[in-house]
Amino acid sequence: MPIRDPAASIWGEALEMLDRAERMQRQFFRLQRDARSGPSWAPPVDVFEQDDGLLVLVALPDVAPEQVQVLVEAHTLVIRGQRTLPVACRRGTIRQLEIPHGRFERRIELPPGEFASVRKSFSNGCLVLELSRGAQR
């Protein structure tokens, strides 16, 4: 039977408790925000630069395509929208709430150059953006 280090076990439990407390605090303040205030979360993204443009993957499971706005401001790609809590989840008591809901926004600095168009699609819970380069590079 392996001997466990009590200090390591206590340290691990303490870190886990701190992590849970931090998540609860973020959720509490997120729920308290007024819907008219700024975005309450930012989705994770992957950006791939290719010869003919950029491929941007944005993790947005359970976000309806009509709830997402994509635009280019100066040299920044802006993705904003809203994930709403499903109606079935609005009844009862929340026991655990880790998936972010509410307004979101993500800003991505674009590399130098002009981008002629943005093609938008959804695949497997991800928003897929294809930005094609303009004539000049």
C-alpha atoms as a PDB file:
ATOM      1  CA  MET A   1       0.000   0.000   0.000  1.00  0.00           C
ATOM      2  CA  PRO A   2       1.560   3.353  -1.038  1.00  0.00           C
ATOM      3  CA  ILE A   3       2.190   5.915   1.660  1.00  0.00           C
ATOM      4  CA  ARG A   4       0.450   9.218   0.958  1.00  0.00           C
ATOM      5  CA  ASP A   5       2.062  12.486   1.872  1.00  0.00           C
ATOM      6  CA  PRO A   6      -0.490  14.269   4.131  1.00  0.00           C
ATOM      7  CA  ALA A   7       0.918  17.697   3.234  1.00  0.00           C
ATOM      8  CA  ALA A   8       0.455  17.050  -0.502  1.00  0.00           C
ATOM      9  CA  SER A   9      -3.080  15.812   0.083  1.00  0.00           C
ATOM     10  CA  ILE A  10      -4.012  18.852   2.174  1.00  0.00           C
ATOM     11  CA  TRP A  11      -2.374  21.196  -0.360  1.00  0.00           C
ATOM     12  CA  GLY A  12      -4.316  19.560  -3.217  1.00  0.00           C
ATOM     13  CA  GLU A  13      -7.603  19.878  -1.339  1.00  0.00           C
ATOM     14  CA  ALA A  14      -6.868  23.526  -0.511  1.00  0.00           C
ATOM     15  CA  LEU A  15      -6.137  24.330  -4.157  1.00  0.00           C
ATOM     16  CA  GLU A  16      -9.322  22.583  -5.229  1.00  0.00           C
ATOM     17  CA  MET A  17     -11.349  24.577  -2.679  1.00  0.00           C
ATOM     18  CA  LEU A  18      -9.783  27.840  -3.886  1.00  0.00           C
ATOM     19  CA  ASP A  19     -10.614  26.934  -7.479  1.00  0.00           C
ATOM     20  CA  ARG A  20     -14.249  26.200  -6.562  1.00  0.00           C
ATOM     21  CA  ALA A  21     -14.496  29.457  -4.584  1.00  0.00           C
ATOM     22  CA  GLU A  22     -13.101  31.451  -7.515  1.00  0.00           C
ATOM     23  CA  ARG A  23     -15.593  29.848  -9.948  1.00  0.00           C
ATOM     24  CA  MET A  24     -18.473  30.560  -7.573  1.00  0.00           C
ATOM     25  CA  GLN A  25     -17.391  34.182  -7.205  1.00  0.00           C
ATOM     26  CA  ARG A  26     -17.178  34.651 -10.996  1.00  0.00           C
ATOM     27  CA  GLN A  27     -20.604  33.063 -11.443  1.00  0.00           C
ATOM     28  CA  PHE A  28     -22.149  35.176  -8.692  1.00  0.00           C
ATOM     29  CA  PHE A  29     -20.909  38.440 -10.142  1.00  0.00           C
ATOM     30  CA  ARG A  30     -21.778  37.333 -13.675  1.00  0.00           C
ATOM     31  CA  LEU A  31     -25.358  36.616 -12.612  1.00  0.00           C
ATOM     32  CA  GLN A  32     -25.559  39.980 -10.846  1.00  0.00           C
ATOM     33  CA  ARG A  33     -24.537  41.966 -13.915  1.00  0.00           C
ATOM     34  CA  ASP A  34     -27.180  43.969 -15.611  1.00  0.00           C
ATOM     35  CA  ALA A  35     -27.968  42.565 -19.067  1.00  0.00           C
ATOM     36  CA  ARG A  36     -27.387  46.058 -20.506  1.00  0.00           C
ATOM     37  CA  SER A  37     -23.823  46.169 -19.249  1.00  0.00           C
ATOM     38  CA  GLY A  38     -20.882  44.830 -21.231  1.00  0.00           C
ATOM     39  CA  PRO A  39     -20.313  41.205 -22.110  1.00  0.00           C
ATOM     40  CA  SER A  40     -19.975  38.774 -19.226  1.00  0.00           C
ATOM     41  CA  TRP A  41     -17.706  36.222 -20.908  1.00  0.00           C
ATOM     42  CA  ALA A  42     -15.411  35.631 -23.883  1.00  0.00           C
ATOM     43  CA  PRO A  43     -15.414  32.357 -25.827  1.00  0.00           C
ATOM     44  CA  PRO A  44     -12.128  30.533 -26.506  1.00  0.00           C
ATOM     45  CA  VAL A  45     -10.781  30.788 -30.053  1.00  0.00           C
ATOM     46  CA  ASP A  46      -8.195  29.149 -32.297  1.00  0.00           C
ATOM     47  CA  VAL A  47      -6.725  31.211 -35.148  1.00  0.00           C
ATOM     48  CA  PHE A  48      -4.853  29.673 -38.072  1.00  0.00           C
ATOM     49  CA  GLU A  49      -3.085  31.828 -40.648  1.00  0.00           C
ATOM     50  CA  GLN A  50      -3.005  30.377 -44.150  1.00  0.00           C
ATOM     51  CA  ASP A  51      -1.648  31.687 -47.470  1.00  0.00           C
ATOM     52  CA  ASP A  52      -5.088  32.801 -48.640  1.00  0.00           C
ATOM     53  CA  GLY A  53      -6.407  34.140 -45.324  1.00  0.00           C
ATOM     54  CA  LEU A  54      -7.343  33.208 -41.780  1.00  0.00           C
ATOM     55  CA  LEU A  55      -9.361  30.386 -40.289  1.00  0.00           C
ATOM     56  CA  VAL A  56     -10.910  31.227 -36.916  1.00  0.00           C
ATOM     57  CA  LEU A  57     -12.674  28.638 -34.735  1.00  0.00           C
ATOM     58  CA  VAL A  58     -14.804  29.973 -31.886  1.00  0.00           C
ATOM     59  CA  ALA A  59     -16.182  27.530 -29.288  1.00  0.00           C
ATOM     60  CA  LEU A  60     -19.888  28.408 -29.017  1.00  0.00           C
ATOM     61  CA  PRO A  61     -21.866  25.263 -28.165  1.00  0.00           C
ATOM     62  CA  ASP A  62     -25.606  25.855 -27.741  1.00  0.00           C
ATOM     63  CA  VAL A  63     -25.433  29.330 -29.287  1.00  0.00           C
ATOM     64  CA  ALA A  64     -27.901  29.860 -32.116  1.00  0.00           C
ATOM     65  CA  PRO A  65     -26.359  31.267 -35.318  1.00  0.00           C
ATOM     66  CA  GLU A  66     -28.806  34.184 -35.280  1.00  0.00           C
ATOM     67  CA  GLN A  67     -27.456  35.143 -31.828  1.00  0.00           C
ATOM     68  CA  VAL A  68     -23.943  35.813 -33.207  1.00  0.00           C
ATOM     69  CA  GLN A  69     -22.671  38.984 -34.858  1.00  0.00           C
ATOM     70  CA  VAL A  70     -19.313  39.089 -36.663  1.00  0.00           C
ATOM     71  CA  LEU A  71     -17.698  42.291 -37.893  1.00  0.00           C
ATOM     72  CA  VAL A  72     -14.327  43.831 -38.608  1.00  0.00           C
ATOM     73  CA  GLU A  73     -13.502  47.118 -36.872  1.00  0.00           C
ATOM     74  CA  ALA A  74     -10.229  48.656 -38.082  1.00  0.00           C
ATOM     75  CA  HIS A  75      -7.791  45.706 -37.770  1.00  0.00           C
ATOM     76  CA  THR A  76      -9.828  43.772 -35.208  1.00  0.00           C
ATOM     77  CA  LEU A  77     -12.246  40.890 -35.738  1.00  0.00           C
ATOM     78  CA  VAL A  78     -15.175  41.257 -33.329  1.00  0.00           C
ATOM     79  CA  ILE A  79     -17.432  38.331 -32.422  1.00  0.00           C
ATOM     80  CA  ARG A  80     -20.336  39.113 -30.121  1.00  0.00           C
ATOM     81  CA  GLY A  81     -23.629  37.597 -29.193  1.00  0.00           C
ATOM     82  CA  GLN A  82     -25.536  35.892 -26.444  1.00  0.00           C
ATOM     83  CA  ARG A  83     -26.017  32.410 -25.014  1.00  0.00           C
ATOM     84  CA  THR A  84     -29.325  32.094 -23.207  1.00  0.00           C
ATOM     85  CA  LEU A  85     -30.142  29.641 -20.473  1.00  0.00           C
ATOM     86  CA  PRO A  86     -32.454  26.950 -21.924  1.00  0.00           C
ATOM     87  CA  VAL A  87     -36.078  27.342 -20.818  1.00  0.00           C
ATOM     88  CA  ALA A  88     -36.069  23.896 -19.172  1.00  0.00           C
ATOM     89  CA  CYS A  89     -33.177  25.033 -16.938  1.00  0.00           C
ATOM     90  CA  ARG A  90     -34.939  28.154 -15.670  1.00  0.00           C
ATOM     91  CA  ARG A  91     -37.138  26.204 -13.274  1.00  0.00           C
ATOM     92  CA  GLY A  92     -35.872  24.862  -9.993  1.00  0.00           C
ATOM     93  CA  THR A  93     -32.719  25.515  -8.034  1.00  0.00           C
ATOM     94  CA  ILE A  94     -29.319  25.870  -9.657  1.00  0.00           C
ATOM     95  CA  ARG A  95     -26.981  23.309  -8.074  1.00  0.00           C
ATOM     96  CA  GLN A  96     -24.007  23.931 -10.335  1.00  0.00           C
ATOM     97  CA  LEU A  97     -23.537  26.469 -13.115  1.00  0.00           C
ATOM     98  CA  GLU A  98     -20.212  26.354 -14.962  1.00  0.00           C
ATOM     99  CA  ILE A  99     -21.238  26.958 -18.579  1.00  0.00           C
ATOM    100  CA  PRO A 100     -21.210  30.707 -19.206  1.00  0.00           C
ATOM    101  CA  HIS A 101     -24.469  32.360 -20.270  1.00  0.00           C
ATOM    102  CA  GLY A 102     -25.380  35.897 -21.180  1.00  0.00           C
ATOM    103  CA  ARG A 103     -23.678  38.343 -23.487  1.00  0.00           C
ATOM    104  CA  PHE A 104     -20.243  37.532 -24.866  1.00  0.00           C
ATOM    105  CA  GLU A 105     -17.654  39.318 -26.931  1.00  0.00           C
ATOM    106  CA  ARG A 106     -14.278  38.318 -28.300  1.00  0.00           C
ATOM    107  CA  ARG A 107     -11.866  40.656 -30.090  1.00  0.00           C
ATOM    108  CA  ILE A 108      -9.041  39.261 -32.207  1.00  0.00           C
ATOM    109  CA  GLU A 109      -6.267  41.458 -33.553  1.00  0.00           C
ATOM    110  CA  LEU A 110      -5.873  40.758 -37.269  1.00  0.00           C
ATOM    111  CA  PRO A 111      -2.463  40.434 -38.916  1.00  0.00           C
ATOM    112  CA  PRO A 112      -1.393  43.187 -41.328  1.00  0.00           C
ATOM    113  CA  GLY A 113      -3.164  43.275 -44.680  1.00  0.00           C
ATOM    114  CA  GLU A 114      -6.663  43.621 -46.017  1.00  0.00           C
ATOM    115  CA  PHE A 115      -9.330  40.953 -45.735  1.00  0.00           C
ATOM    116  CA  ALA A 116     -11.914  40.952 -48.506  1.00  0.00           C
ATOM    117  CA  SER A 117     -14.647  38.797 -46.988  1.00  0.00           C
ATOM    118  CA  VAL A 118     -15.724  36.756 -43.994  1.00  0.00           C
ATOM    119  CA  ARG A 119     -17.514  33.437 -44.494  1.00  0.00           C
ATOM    120  CA  LYS A 120     -19.405  32.212 -41.433  1.00  0.00           C
ATOM    121  CA  SER A 121     -20.644  28.684 -40.661  1.00  0.00           C
ATOM    122  CA  PHE A 122     -21.284  26.472 -37.642  1.00  0.00           C
ATOM    123  CA  SER A 123     -19.818  22.995 -37.162  1.00  0.00           C
ATOM    124  CA  ASN A 124     -19.865  20.754 -34.073  1.00  0.00           C
ATOM    125  CA  GLY A 125     -20.538  23.597 -31.633  1.00  0.00           C
ATOM    126  CA  CYS A 126     -17.949  25.900 -33.196  1.00  0.00           C
ATOM    127  CA  LEU A 127     -18.399  29.054 -35.190  1.00  0.00           C
ATOM    128  CA  VAL A 128     -16.084  28.723 -38.196  1.00  0.00           C
ATOM    129  CA  LEU A 129     -14.913  31.978 -39.769  1.00  0.00           C
ATOM    130  CA  GLU A 130     -12.946  32.048 -43.003  1.00  0.00           C
ATOM    131  CA  LEU A 131     -11.413  35.431 -43.777  1.00  0.00           C
ATOM    132  CA  SER A 132     -10.041  35.693 -47.296  1.00  0.00           C
ATOM    133  CA  ARG A 133      -7.222  38.089 -48.077  1.00  0.00           C
ATOM    134  CA  GLY A 134      -7.790  41.030 -50.391  1.00  0.00           C
ATOM    135  CA  ALA A 135      -5.892  41.530 -53.639  1.00  0.00           C
ATOM    136  CA  GLN A 136      -3.009  43.340 -51.920  1.00  0.00           C
ATOM    137  CA  ARG A 137      -0.846  41.531 -49.439  1.00  0.00           C
END
